[in-house]
Amino acid sequence: MPDSLFDAQKFLQSLANDEELARELLAAFMEDSPARRDSLKEALDADDAESASKLAHSLKGMCGVVRAQTLVDLALSMEHQSKNGDLDQVRELYATFVETLDLAHAEMKGFFA
């Protein structure tokens, strides 16, 4: 895992250094990502590979917007494994995703300081 899960400078550059937009996008990510993470857990608990794949895809996009590449990679892996029907592998990846998301959120909070 990289030293930093959130590169604020790279994120800002992707938004033409628009700090107001960056704050809005990060706030939305930090509010919405836990709900989508929880929805993915519900899909996994229900053994619903199709929903899990769609939710992982959604998380992948959200993480991409904030340039959190490690989370993008994990979500992409969950999406692919869901499409393959390997929900046991998705559950393992999900556990790592949850831990990584928590760490990324902690780093992102520093952006607002």
N, C-alpha and C. Protein backbone atom coordinates (compact mmCIF):
# COMPACT_ATOMS: atom_id res chain seq x y z
N MET A 1 0.85 -1.18 0.00
CA MET A 1 0.00 0.00 0.00
C MET A 1 0.89 1.24 0.00
N PRO A 2 0.52 2.25 -0.77
CA PRO A 2 1.35 3.46 -0.82
C PRO A 2 1.33 4.20 0.52
N ASP A 3 2.31 5.09 0.70
CA ASP A 3 2.38 5.87 1.93
C ASP A 3 1.15 6.74 2.10
N SER A 4 0.64 7.28 1.02
CA SER A 4 -0.51 8.16 1.07
C SER A 4 -1.62 7.58 0.20
N LEU A 5 -2.82 7.57 0.74
CA LEU A 5 -3.97 7.07 -0.02
C LEU A 5 -4.69 8.19 -0.75
N PHE A 6 -4.39 9.42 -0.37
CA PHE A 6 -5.03 10.58 -0.98
C PHE A 6 -3.97 11.62 -1.28
N ASP A 7 -3.79 11.92 -2.53
CA ASP A 7 -2.82 12.93 -2.96
C ASP A 7 -3.58 14.22 -3.23
N ALA A 8 -3.62 15.08 -2.22
CA ALA A 8 -4.38 16.33 -2.32
C ALA A 8 -3.90 17.18 -3.49
N GLN A 9 -2.59 17.22 -3.71
CA GLN A 9 -2.05 18.05 -4.78
C GLN A 9 -2.51 17.53 -6.15
N LYS A 10 -2.45 16.23 -6.35
CA LYS A 10 -2.89 15.64 -7.61
C LYS A 10 -4.40 15.87 -7.81
N PHE A 11 -5.14 15.72 -6.71
CA PHE A 11 -6.58 15.94 -6.77
C PHE A 11 -6.89 17.39 -7.17
N LEU A 12 -6.23 18.34 -6.52
CA LEU A 12 -6.43 19.75 -6.85
C LEU A 12 -6.05 20.05 -8.30
N GLN A 13 -4.96 19.49 -8.74
CA GLN A 13 -4.52 19.72 -10.12
C GLN A 13 -5.56 19.21 -11.11
N SER A 14 -6.21 18.09 -10.77
CA SER A 14 -7.22 17.53 -11.67
C SER A 14 -8.45 18.43 -11.76
N LEU A 15 -8.56 19.36 -10.82
CA LEU A 15 -9.69 20.29 -10.79
C LEU A 15 -9.26 21.72 -11.10
N ALA A 16 -8.14 21.86 -11.80
CA ALA A 16 -7.60 23.18 -12.15
C ALA A 16 -7.42 24.04 -10.91
N ASN A 17 -7.00 23.39 -9.80
CA ASN A 17 -6.73 24.05 -8.52
C ASN A 17 -7.93 24.80 -7.94
N ASP A 18 -9.12 24.33 -8.24
CA ASP A 18 -10.35 24.92 -7.71
C ASP A 18 -10.62 24.33 -6.32
N GLU A 19 -10.17 25.03 -5.29
CA GLU A 19 -10.29 24.51 -3.92
C GLU A 19 -11.73 24.37 -3.46
N GLU A 20 -12.58 25.26 -3.88
CA GLU A 20 -13.99 25.18 -3.48
C GLU A 20 -14.63 23.91 -4.04
N LEU A 21 -14.38 23.64 -5.31
CA LEU A 21 -14.91 22.42 -5.93
C LEU A 21 -14.31 21.19 -5.26
N ALA A 22 -13.03 21.25 -4.96
CA ALA A 22 -12.37 20.12 -4.30
C ALA A 22 -13.01 19.83 -2.95
N ARG A 23 -13.28 20.86 -2.20
CA ARG A 23 -13.93 20.67 -0.89
C ARG A 23 -15.33 20.06 -1.05
N GLU A 24 -16.07 20.55 -2.03
CA GLU A 24 -17.42 20.01 -2.27
C GLU A 24 -17.36 18.54 -2.66
N LEU A 25 -16.46 18.19 -3.56
CA LEU A 25 -16.35 16.80 -4.01
C LEU A 25 -15.90 15.88 -2.87
N LEU A 26 -14.93 16.35 -2.09
CA LEU A 26 -14.47 15.54 -0.96
C LEU A 26 -15.56 15.37 0.09
N ALA A 27 -16.28 16.42 0.37
CA ALA A 27 -17.37 16.32 1.35
C ALA A 27 -18.42 15.32 0.87
N ALA A 28 -18.76 15.38 -0.40
CA ALA A 28 -19.74 14.44 -0.95
C ALA A 28 -19.21 13.00 -0.88
N PHE A 29 -17.93 12.83 -1.20
CA PHE A 29 -17.33 11.50 -1.14
C PHE A 29 -17.36 10.96 0.28
N MET A 30 -16.98 11.79 1.22
CA MET A 30 -16.90 11.34 2.62
C MET A 30 -18.30 11.06 3.19
N GLU A 31 -19.31 11.71 2.65
CA GLU A 31 -20.67 11.45 3.10
C GLU A 31 -21.26 10.21 2.41
N ASP A 32 -21.04 10.09 1.10
CA ASP A 32 -21.68 9.03 0.32
C ASP A 32 -20.96 7.68 0.36
N SER A 33 -19.65 7.70 0.44
CA SER A 33 -18.92 6.43 0.34
C SER A 33 -19.26 5.44 1.46
N PRO A 34 -19.48 5.87 2.71
CA PRO A 34 -19.86 4.88 3.74
C PRO A 34 -21.21 4.22 3.44
N ALA A 35 -22.15 4.97 2.90
CA ALA A 35 -23.45 4.38 2.58
C ALA A 35 -23.33 3.36 1.45
N ARG A 36 -22.53 3.68 0.45
CA ARG A 36 -22.34 2.73 -0.66
C ARG A 36 -21.54 1.52 -0.20
N ARG A 37 -20.57 1.75 0.67
CA ARG A 37 -19.81 0.63 1.26
C ARG A 37 -20.77 -0.30 2.00
N ASP A 38 -21.67 0.27 2.78
CA ASP A 38 -22.63 -0.54 3.54
C ASP A 38 -23.60 -1.28 2.62
N SER A 39 -23.99 -0.65 1.53
CA SER A 39 -24.87 -1.31 0.56
C SER A 39 -24.16 -2.50 -0.08
N LEU A 40 -22.87 -2.35 -0.34
CA LEU A 40 -22.10 -3.46 -0.89
C LEU A 40 -22.07 -4.62 0.11
N LYS A 41 -21.89 -4.31 1.37
CA LYS A 41 -21.90 -5.34 2.41
C LYS A 41 -23.23 -6.09 2.42
N GLU A 42 -24.32 -5.34 2.30
CA GLU A 42 -25.65 -5.96 2.26
C GLU A 42 -25.78 -6.89 1.05
N ALA A 43 -25.27 -6.47 -0.09
CA ALA A 43 -25.32 -7.32 -1.29
C ALA A 43 -24.50 -8.59 -1.08
N LEU A 44 -23.35 -8.45 -0.45
CA LEU A 44 -22.52 -9.63 -0.18
C LEU A 44 -23.21 -10.56 0.82
N ASP A 45 -23.82 -9.98 1.84
CA ASP A 45 -24.54 -10.79 2.83
C ASP A 45 -25.69 -11.56 2.19
N ALA A 46 -26.27 -10.97 1.14
CA ALA A 46 -27.39 -11.60 0.44
C ALA A 46 -26.92 -12.49 -0.72
N ASP A 47 -25.61 -12.64 -0.88
CA ASP A 47 -25.03 -13.42 -1.99
C ASP A 47 -25.52 -12.93 -3.35
N ASP A 48 -25.66 -11.61 -3.48
CA ASP A 48 -26.16 -10.98 -4.70
C ASP A 48 -24.98 -10.45 -5.51
N ALA A 49 -24.44 -11.29 -6.37
CA ALA A 49 -23.25 -10.93 -7.14
C ALA A 49 -23.52 -9.78 -8.10
N GLU A 50 -24.70 -9.74 -8.70
CA GLU A 50 -25.01 -8.68 -9.66
C GLU A 50 -25.03 -7.32 -8.98
N SER A 51 -25.72 -7.23 -7.84
CA SER A 51 -25.74 -5.96 -7.10
C SER A 51 -24.36 -5.60 -6.59
N ALA A 52 -23.62 -6.59 -6.12
CA ALA A 52 -22.26 -6.34 -5.62
C ALA A 52 -21.39 -5.76 -6.72
N SER A 53 -21.52 -6.29 -7.92
CA SER A 53 -20.74 -5.79 -9.05
C SER A 53 -21.09 -4.34 -9.35
N LYS A 54 -22.36 -4.02 -9.36
CA LYS A 54 -22.80 -2.64 -9.65
C LYS A 54 -22.35 -1.68 -8.55
N LEU A 55 -22.44 -2.12 -7.31
CA LEU A 55 -22.02 -1.25 -6.20
C LEU A 55 -20.51 -1.05 -6.19
N ALA A 56 -19.76 -2.10 -6.49
CA ALA A 56 -18.31 -1.96 -6.57
C ALA A 56 -17.93 -1.01 -7.70
N HIS A 57 -18.66 -1.11 -8.81
CA HIS A 57 -18.42 -0.20 -9.94
C HIS A 57 -18.68 1.25 -9.53
N SER A 58 -19.75 1.46 -8.79
CA SER A 58 -20.08 2.80 -8.31
C SER A 58 -18.99 3.33 -7.38
N LEU A 59 -18.53 2.49 -6.47
CA LEU A 59 -17.45 2.89 -5.57
C LEU A 59 -16.18 3.20 -6.34
N LYS A 60 -15.91 2.41 -7.36
CA LYS A 60 -14.72 2.65 -8.18
C LYS A 60 -14.76 4.05 -8.78
N GLY A 61 -15.91 4.43 -9.31
CA GLY A 61 -16.05 5.75 -9.91
C GLY A 61 -15.89 6.87 -8.89
N MET A 62 -16.51 6.69 -7.73
CA MET A 62 -16.40 7.71 -6.67
C MET A 62 -14.95 7.89 -6.24
N CYS A 63 -14.26 6.79 -6.07
CA CYS A 63 -12.86 6.84 -5.63
C CYS A 63 -11.98 7.46 -6.71
N GLY A 64 -12.33 7.23 -7.95
CA GLY A 64 -11.58 7.82 -9.05
C GLY A 64 -11.70 9.33 -9.09
N VAL A 65 -12.88 9.83 -8.79
CA VAL A 65 -13.10 11.28 -8.79
C VAL A 65 -12.16 11.98 -7.81
N VAL A 66 -11.94 11.36 -6.65
CA VAL A 66 -11.07 11.98 -5.64
C VAL A 66 -9.62 11.51 -5.77
N ARG A 67 -9.34 10.78 -6.83
CA ARG A 67 -7.99 10.32 -7.15
C ARG A 67 -7.38 9.43 -6.05
N ALA A 68 -8.22 8.56 -5.47
CA ALA A 68 -7.75 7.60 -4.46
C ALA A 68 -7.49 6.27 -5.16
N GLN A 69 -6.32 6.16 -5.79
CA GLN A 69 -6.03 5.05 -6.71
C GLN A 69 -6.06 3.68 -6.03
N THR A 70 -5.58 3.58 -4.82
CA THR A 70 -5.60 2.29 -4.13
C THR A 70 -7.04 1.81 -3.95
N LEU A 71 -7.93 2.73 -3.62
CA LEU A 71 -9.35 2.37 -3.48
C LEU A 71 -9.96 2.03 -4.84
N VAL A 72 -9.57 2.75 -5.88
CA VAL A 72 -10.04 2.44 -7.23
C VAL A 72 -9.65 1.01 -7.58
N ASP A 73 -8.41 0.65 -7.32
CA ASP A 73 -7.91 -0.69 -7.67
C ASP A 73 -8.67 -1.77 -6.90
N LEU A 74 -8.91 -1.53 -5.61
CA LEU A 74 -9.65 -2.51 -4.81
C LEU A 74 -11.09 -2.65 -5.31
N ALA A 75 -11.73 -1.53 -5.60
CA ALA A 75 -13.11 -1.57 -6.09
C ALA A 75 -13.19 -2.26 -7.45
N LEU A 76 -12.22 -2.01 -8.30
CA LEU A 76 -12.18 -2.67 -9.61
C LEU A 76 -12.04 -4.18 -9.43
N SER A 77 -11.18 -4.60 -8.53
CA SER A 77 -11.03 -6.03 -8.27
C SER A 77 -12.32 -6.64 -7.74
N MET A 78 -13.00 -5.90 -6.85
CA MET A 78 -14.28 -6.41 -6.33
C MET A 78 -15.31 -6.50 -7.44
N GLU A 79 -15.31 -5.53 -8.33
CA GLU A 79 -16.25 -5.54 -9.46
C GLU A 79 -16.01 -6.77 -10.33
N HIS A 80 -14.76 -7.01 -10.70
CA HIS A 80 -14.43 -8.15 -11.56
C HIS A 80 -14.76 -9.48 -10.88
N GLN A 81 -14.39 -9.61 -9.61
CA GLN A 81 -14.65 -10.86 -8.92
C GLN A 81 -16.16 -11.09 -8.74
N SER A 82 -16.92 -10.02 -8.56
CA SER A 82 -18.37 -10.15 -8.47
C SER A 82 -18.94 -10.65 -9.80
N LYS A 83 -18.45 -10.09 -10.89
CA LYS A 83 -18.91 -10.52 -12.21
C LYS A 83 -18.57 -11.99 -12.45
N ASN A 84 -17.46 -12.44 -11.86
CA ASN A 84 -17.05 -13.85 -11.99
C ASN A 84 -17.78 -14.75 -11.00
N GLY A 85 -18.57 -14.14 -10.12
CA GLY A 85 -19.32 -14.91 -9.14
C GLY A 85 -18.51 -15.38 -7.95
N ASP A 86 -17.31 -14.86 -7.78
CA ASP A 86 -16.44 -15.28 -6.67
C ASP A 86 -16.64 -14.34 -5.48
N LEU A 87 -17.77 -14.50 -4.82
CA LEU A 87 -18.10 -13.60 -3.72
C LEU A 87 -17.22 -13.81 -2.50
N ASP A 88 -16.64 -14.99 -2.33
CA ASP A 88 -15.71 -15.19 -1.21
C ASP A 88 -14.48 -14.28 -1.39
N GLN A 89 -14.00 -14.20 -2.62
CA GLN A 89 -12.87 -13.31 -2.91
C GLN A 89 -13.28 -11.85 -2.72
N VAL A 90 -14.49 -11.52 -3.13
CA VAL A 90 -14.98 -10.15 -2.97
C VAL A 90 -15.04 -9.80 -1.48
N ARG A 91 -15.48 -10.74 -0.66
CA ARG A 91 -15.56 -10.48 0.79
C ARG A 91 -14.18 -10.19 1.37
N GLU A 92 -13.17 -10.90 0.89
CA GLU A 92 -11.80 -10.64 1.36
C GLU A 92 -11.35 -9.25 0.92
N LEU A 93 -11.61 -8.93 -0.33
CA LEU A 93 -11.24 -7.61 -0.84
C LEU A 93 -12.03 -6.51 -0.13
N TYR A 94 -13.28 -6.80 0.18
CA TYR A 94 -14.13 -5.83 0.86
C TYR A 94 -13.54 -5.45 2.22
N ALA A 95 -13.06 -6.44 2.94
CA ALA A 95 -12.46 -6.16 4.26
C ALA A 95 -11.28 -5.20 4.11
N THR A 96 -10.46 -5.43 3.12
CA THR A 96 -9.33 -4.54 2.86
C THR A 96 -9.82 -3.17 2.41
N PHE A 97 -10.84 -3.15 1.58
CA PHE A 97 -11.40 -1.89 1.11
C PHE A 97 -11.90 -1.04 2.28
N VAL A 98 -12.61 -1.67 3.21
CA VAL A 98 -13.16 -0.94 4.36
C VAL A 98 -12.04 -0.31 5.18
N GLU A 99 -11.00 -1.08 5.47
CA GLU A 99 -9.87 -0.55 6.24
C GLU A 99 -9.20 0.60 5.50
N THR A 100 -9.01 0.42 4.21
CA THR A 100 -8.34 1.42 3.39
C THR A 100 -9.20 2.68 3.27
N LEU A 101 -10.50 2.50 3.13
CA LEU A 101 -11.40 3.65 3.05
C LEU A 101 -11.34 4.47 4.33
N ASP A 102 -11.31 3.80 5.47
CA ASP A 102 -11.22 4.52 6.75
C ASP A 102 -9.93 5.33 6.82
N LEU A 103 -8.83 4.73 6.39
CA LEU A 103 -7.55 5.44 6.38
C LEU A 103 -7.56 6.63 5.42
N ALA A 104 -8.17 6.42 4.25
CA ALA A 104 -8.25 7.50 3.27
C ALA A 104 -9.10 8.64 3.80
N HIS A 105 -10.21 8.31 4.46
CA HIS A 105 -11.05 9.35 5.03
C HIS A 105 -10.25 10.19 6.04
N ALA A 106 -9.44 9.52 6.84
CA ALA A 106 -8.62 10.24 7.82
C ALA A 106 -7.67 11.22 7.13
N GLU A 107 -7.06 10.76 6.03
CA GLU A 107 -6.17 11.65 5.27
C GLU A 107 -6.95 12.80 4.64
N MET A 108 -8.13 12.51 4.14
CA MET A 108 -8.94 13.54 3.48
C MET A 108 -9.40 14.61 4.46
N LYS A 109 -9.62 14.23 5.69
CA LYS A 109 -10.03 15.22 6.69
C LYS A 109 -8.97 16.31 6.84
N GLY A 110 -7.72 15.95 6.64
CA GLY A 110 -6.65 16.92 6.70
C GLY A 110 -6.77 18.00 5.62
N PHE A 111 -7.43 17.68 4.54
CA PHE A 111 -7.62 18.66 3.46
C PHE A 111 -8.48 19.83 3.94
N PHE A 112 -9.38 19.56 4.87
CA PHE A 112 -10.29 20.59 5.35
C PHE A 112 -9.67 21.43 6.48
N ALA A 113 -8.53 21.00 6.98
CA ALA A 113 -7.90 21.71 8.11
C ALA A 113 -7.27 23.02 7.66
